Amino acid sequence: AAFEIIDADGVADLSLRSVARRLGVDAKSLYNHIASKDALLDAIAEHVLARMVAPVLVGDLRVDLIAIARSFRAAALSSHREAATLVLSRPVESLAHLAPLEATLQAFLAAGAKPEWAVHAVRTTLAFMTGALLREASVGLTLGTDDPGVAGPREAALAKLGLAHVALAAPYLARLDHEREFNFGLEILVDAFARQLAPG
């Protein structure tokens, strides 16, 4: 019921009262099953992230980090895209949230990173992924679109702004392939990490 509300009206309209209405029960009866709205939001985030299929680490930092990040993206956006915002904004306290963290730390430490450095690298990666996935879930700033019917007029509008460099880049600014953008940023990060950890 909560996912149906999120899909129809967005996360902002989700409440225990709205869930109770959809179920046809009194809101007070829900408290026998869930303690609060925060507990409901956490449960939704855990449910979404539980879809993540943890990759088997192969001992190659670049391969392992890319596999973990792509698996996380697939789980966060697999369905109920509006719910992705909860995965990316709820406190990290459950084992479902910590499984990707454990795998990522394992990959960094196996590659020779010190624990403190690994934590900085994880936070940097999470900052990139959070921004990219929030944008993909349609809640972040973006100039481009994956809708060809919108991209053409947007390109023309950008080209007419009188900004030489924006006009030059307009064909690319107006179009956005989320998966390609995600992989582009991810590979730059992973390459940088691998270089810093390379012997010598």
Protein backbone atom coordinates (compact mmCIF):
# COMPACT_ATOMS: atom_id res chain seq x y z
CA ALA A 1 0.00 0.00 0.00
CA ALA A 2 2.84 2.39 0.84
CA PHE A 3 4.50 1.75 -2.53
CA GLU A 4 1.21 2.36 -4.34
CA ILE A 5 0.92 5.76 -2.64
CA ILE A 6 4.54 6.62 -3.48
CA ASP A 7 4.01 5.65 -7.13
CA ALA A 8 0.78 7.63 -7.43
CA ASP A 9 1.48 10.72 -5.33
CA GLY A 10 5.16 10.73 -4.34
CA VAL A 11 6.99 10.24 -1.06
CA ALA A 12 5.76 13.57 0.33
CA ASP A 13 2.16 12.30 0.47
CA LEU A 14 3.03 9.09 2.29
CA SER A 15 1.80 8.85 5.88
CA LEU A 16 0.40 6.19 8.17
CA ARG A 17 -3.00 7.80 7.68
CA SER A 18 -2.78 7.57 3.86
CA VAL A 19 -1.64 3.93 4.11
CA ALA A 20 -4.54 3.16 6.45
CA ARG A 21 -6.99 4.80 4.03
CA ARG A 22 -5.68 2.69 1.16
CA LEU A 23 -5.97 -0.46 3.28
CA GLY A 24 -9.45 0.48 4.51
CA VAL A 25 -8.50 0.32 8.18
CA ASP A 26 -8.26 2.72 11.08
CA ALA A 27 -4.88 4.50 11.23
CA LYS A 28 -4.47 3.57 14.89
CA SER A 29 -4.49 -0.13 14.00
CA LEU A 30 -1.30 0.30 11.99
CA TYR A 31 0.62 1.10 15.16
CA ASN A 32 0.26 -2.59 16.08
CA HIS A 33 2.56 -3.30 13.14
CA ILE A 34 4.77 -0.25 12.70
CA ALA A 35 5.86 2.27 15.31
CA SER A 36 5.92 5.53 13.36
CA LYS A 37 6.18 7.18 9.95
CA ASP A 38 9.98 7.09 10.28
CA ALA A 39 9.82 3.34 10.86
CA LEU A 40 7.65 3.01 7.75
CA LEU A 41 10.13 5.03 5.66
CA ASP A 42 13.03 2.94 6.96
CA ALA A 43 11.15 -0.28 6.14
CA ILE A 44 10.51 0.91 2.59
CA ALA A 45 14.18 1.84 2.12
CA GLU A 46 15.27 -1.55 3.46
CA HIS A 47 12.80 -3.34 1.19
CA VAL A 48 14.15 -1.54 -1.88
CA LEU A 49 17.79 -2.12 -0.97
CA ALA A 50 17.15 -5.78 -0.15
CA ARG A 51 16.77 -6.27 -3.91
CA MET A 52 20.49 -5.66 -4.33
CA VAL A 53 22.32 -8.76 -5.50
CA ALA A 54 25.78 -8.44 -3.96
CA PRO A 55 28.42 -9.25 -6.58
CA VAL A 56 31.11 -11.81 -5.85
CA LEU A 57 34.35 -9.87 -5.41
CA VAL A 58 37.13 -10.97 -7.74
CA GLY A 59 40.03 -9.08 -6.15
CA ASP A 60 40.35 -6.45 -8.88
CA LEU A 61 39.49 -3.09 -7.30
CA ARG A 62 38.21 -1.52 -10.50
CA VAL A 63 36.03 -4.50 -11.45
CA ASP A 64 34.72 -4.94 -7.90
CA LEU A 65 33.79 -1.28 -7.28
CA ILE A 66 32.00 -0.97 -10.62
CA ALA A 67 30.06 -4.18 -9.96
CA ILE A 68 29.00 -3.03 -6.48
CA ALA A 69 27.93 0.42 -7.70
CA ARG A 70 25.96 -0.95 -10.65
CA SER A 71 24.26 -3.49 -8.41
CA PHE A 72 23.32 -0.72 -5.96
CA ARG A 73 21.93 1.43 -8.79
CA ALA A 74 19.91 -1.46 -10.17
CA ALA A 75 18.38 -2.16 -6.75
CA ALA A 76 17.61 1.48 -6.00
CA LEU A 77 15.92 2.09 -9.35
CA SER A 78 14.52 -1.38 -10.12
CA SER A 79 10.93 -0.30 -9.47
CA HIS A 80 9.09 2.38 -7.52
CA ARG A 81 11.60 5.04 -8.62
CA GLU A 82 10.20 7.60 -6.19
CA ALA A 83 11.18 5.24 -3.36
CA ALA A 84 14.82 5.56 -4.44
CA THR A 85 14.92 8.88 -2.60
CA LEU A 86 14.32 7.02 0.66
CA VAL A 87 17.22 4.63 0.06
CA LEU A 88 19.46 7.63 -0.54
CA SER A 89 18.26 9.75 2.37
CA ARG A 90 17.44 7.46 5.31
CA PRO A 91 19.95 6.83 8.12
CA VAL A 92 22.27 3.88 7.59
CA GLU A 93 21.43 1.56 10.45
CA SER A 94 20.14 -1.73 9.07
CA LEU A 95 22.09 -4.69 7.77
CA ALA A 96 20.41 -4.21 4.38
CA HIS A 97 21.99 -0.75 4.15
CA LEU A 98 25.35 -1.95 5.46
CA ALA A 99 25.84 -4.91 3.10
CA PRO A 100 27.01 -2.70 0.19
CA LEU A 101 29.24 -0.76 2.59
CA GLU A 102 30.84 -3.98 3.84
CA ALA A 103 31.54 -5.15 0.28
CA THR A 104 33.00 -1.77 -0.73
CA LEU A 105 35.26 -1.56 2.31
CA GLN A 106 36.38 -5.13 1.67
CA ALA A 107 37.34 -4.22 -1.91
CA PHE A 108 39.33 -1.15 -0.83
CA LEU A 109 41.12 -2.87 2.05
CA ALA A 110 41.99 -5.87 -0.14
CA ALA A 111 43.57 -3.42 -2.60
CA GLY A 112 45.86 -2.09 0.13
CA ALA A 113 43.90 0.94 1.37
CA LYS A 114 44.17 1.97 5.00
CA PRO A 115 40.79 2.01 6.82
CA GLU A 116 40.64 5.82 7.11
CA TRP A 117 41.47 6.29 3.41
CA ALA A 118 38.88 3.65 2.50
CA VAL A 119 36.20 5.55 4.44
CA HIS A 120 37.03 8.78 2.59
CA ALA A 121 36.86 6.91 -0.71
CA VAL A 122 33.51 5.34 0.21
CA ARG A 123 32.06 8.74 1.16
CA THR A 124 33.30 10.28 -2.09
CA THR A 125 31.71 7.45 -4.07
CA LEU A 126 28.45 7.77 -2.14
CA ALA A 127 28.35 11.52 -2.76
CA PHE A 128 28.64 10.92 -6.51
CA MET A 129 26.14 8.05 -6.53
CA THR A 130 23.59 9.90 -4.41
CA GLY A 131 23.62 12.90 -6.75
CA ALA A 132 23.47 10.76 -9.89
CA LEU A 133 20.67 8.53 -8.61
CA LEU A 134 18.58 11.37 -7.21
CA ARG A 135 18.81 13.07 -10.60
CA GLU A 136 17.83 9.83 -12.29
CA ALA A 137 14.85 9.44 -9.96
CA SER A 138 13.71 12.83 -11.33
CA VAL A 139 14.35 14.90 -8.25
CA GLY A 140 17.71 16.45 -9.14
CA LEU A 141 18.81 19.34 -11.36
CA THR A 142 19.57 18.37 -14.93
CA LEU A 143 19.73 20.23 -18.24
CA GLY A 144 19.11 17.19 -20.40
CA THR A 145 16.33 14.71 -21.03
CA ASP A 146 15.98 11.22 -22.47
CA ASP A 147 12.76 12.25 -24.22
CA PRO A 148 13.58 12.96 -27.91
CA GLY A 149 10.47 15.12 -28.23
CA VAL A 150 11.74 17.45 -25.53
CA ALA A 151 15.47 17.24 -26.32
CA GLY A 152 15.18 18.83 -29.77
CA PRO A 153 13.43 22.02 -28.63
CA ARG A 154 15.71 22.20 -25.59
CA GLU A 155 18.79 22.02 -27.80
CA ALA A 156 17.43 24.82 -29.98
CA ALA A 157 16.66 26.96 -26.93
CA LEU A 158 20.16 26.47 -25.50
CA ALA A 159 21.75 27.32 -28.84
CA LYS A 160 19.86 30.65 -28.97
CA LEU A 161 20.97 31.91 -25.55
CA GLY A 162 23.94 33.81 -26.95
CA LEU A 163 26.46 31.80 -24.90
CA ALA A 164 29.10 30.49 -27.30
CA HIS A 165 30.24 27.49 -25.27
CA VAL A 166 26.72 26.49 -24.25
CA ALA A 167 25.70 26.64 -27.92
CA LEU A 168 28.65 24.44 -28.88
CA ALA A 169 27.68 21.85 -26.26
CA ALA A 170 23.90 22.21 -26.75
CA PRO A 171 23.42 18.89 -28.60
CA TYR A 172 24.95 17.07 -25.63
CA LEU A 173 23.48 19.24 -22.87
CA ALA A 174 19.95 18.73 -24.19
CA ARG A 175 20.16 14.92 -24.14
CA LEU A 176 20.76 12.76 -21.10
CA ASP A 177 21.38 9.02 -20.90
CA HIS A 178 21.35 8.34 -17.15
CA GLU A 179 23.13 5.00 -17.31
CA ARG A 180 25.88 6.40 -19.52
CA GLU A 181 26.35 9.39 -17.21
CA PHE A 182 26.46 7.12 -14.15
CA ASN A 183 29.09 4.88 -15.75
CA PHE A 184 31.14 7.88 -16.93
CA GLY A 185 31.46 9.36 -13.43
CA LEU A 186 31.89 5.98 -11.77
CA GLU A 187 34.76 4.96 -14.03
CA ILE A 188 36.60 8.25 -13.45
CA LEU A 189 36.33 7.76 -9.68
CA VAL A 190 37.37 4.12 -9.80
CA ASP A 191 40.35 4.87 -12.05
CA ALA A 192 41.49 7.59 -9.64
CA PHE A 193 41.22 5.24 -6.65
CA ALA A 194 43.14 2.49 -8.47
CA ARG A 195 45.93 4.91 -9.41
CA GLN A 196 46.30 6.13 -5.85
CA LEU A 197 46.51 2.59 -4.51
CA ALA A 198 48.84 1.29 -7.22
CA PRO A 199 52.26 0.19 -5.87
CA GLY A 200 54.85 2.93 -6.24
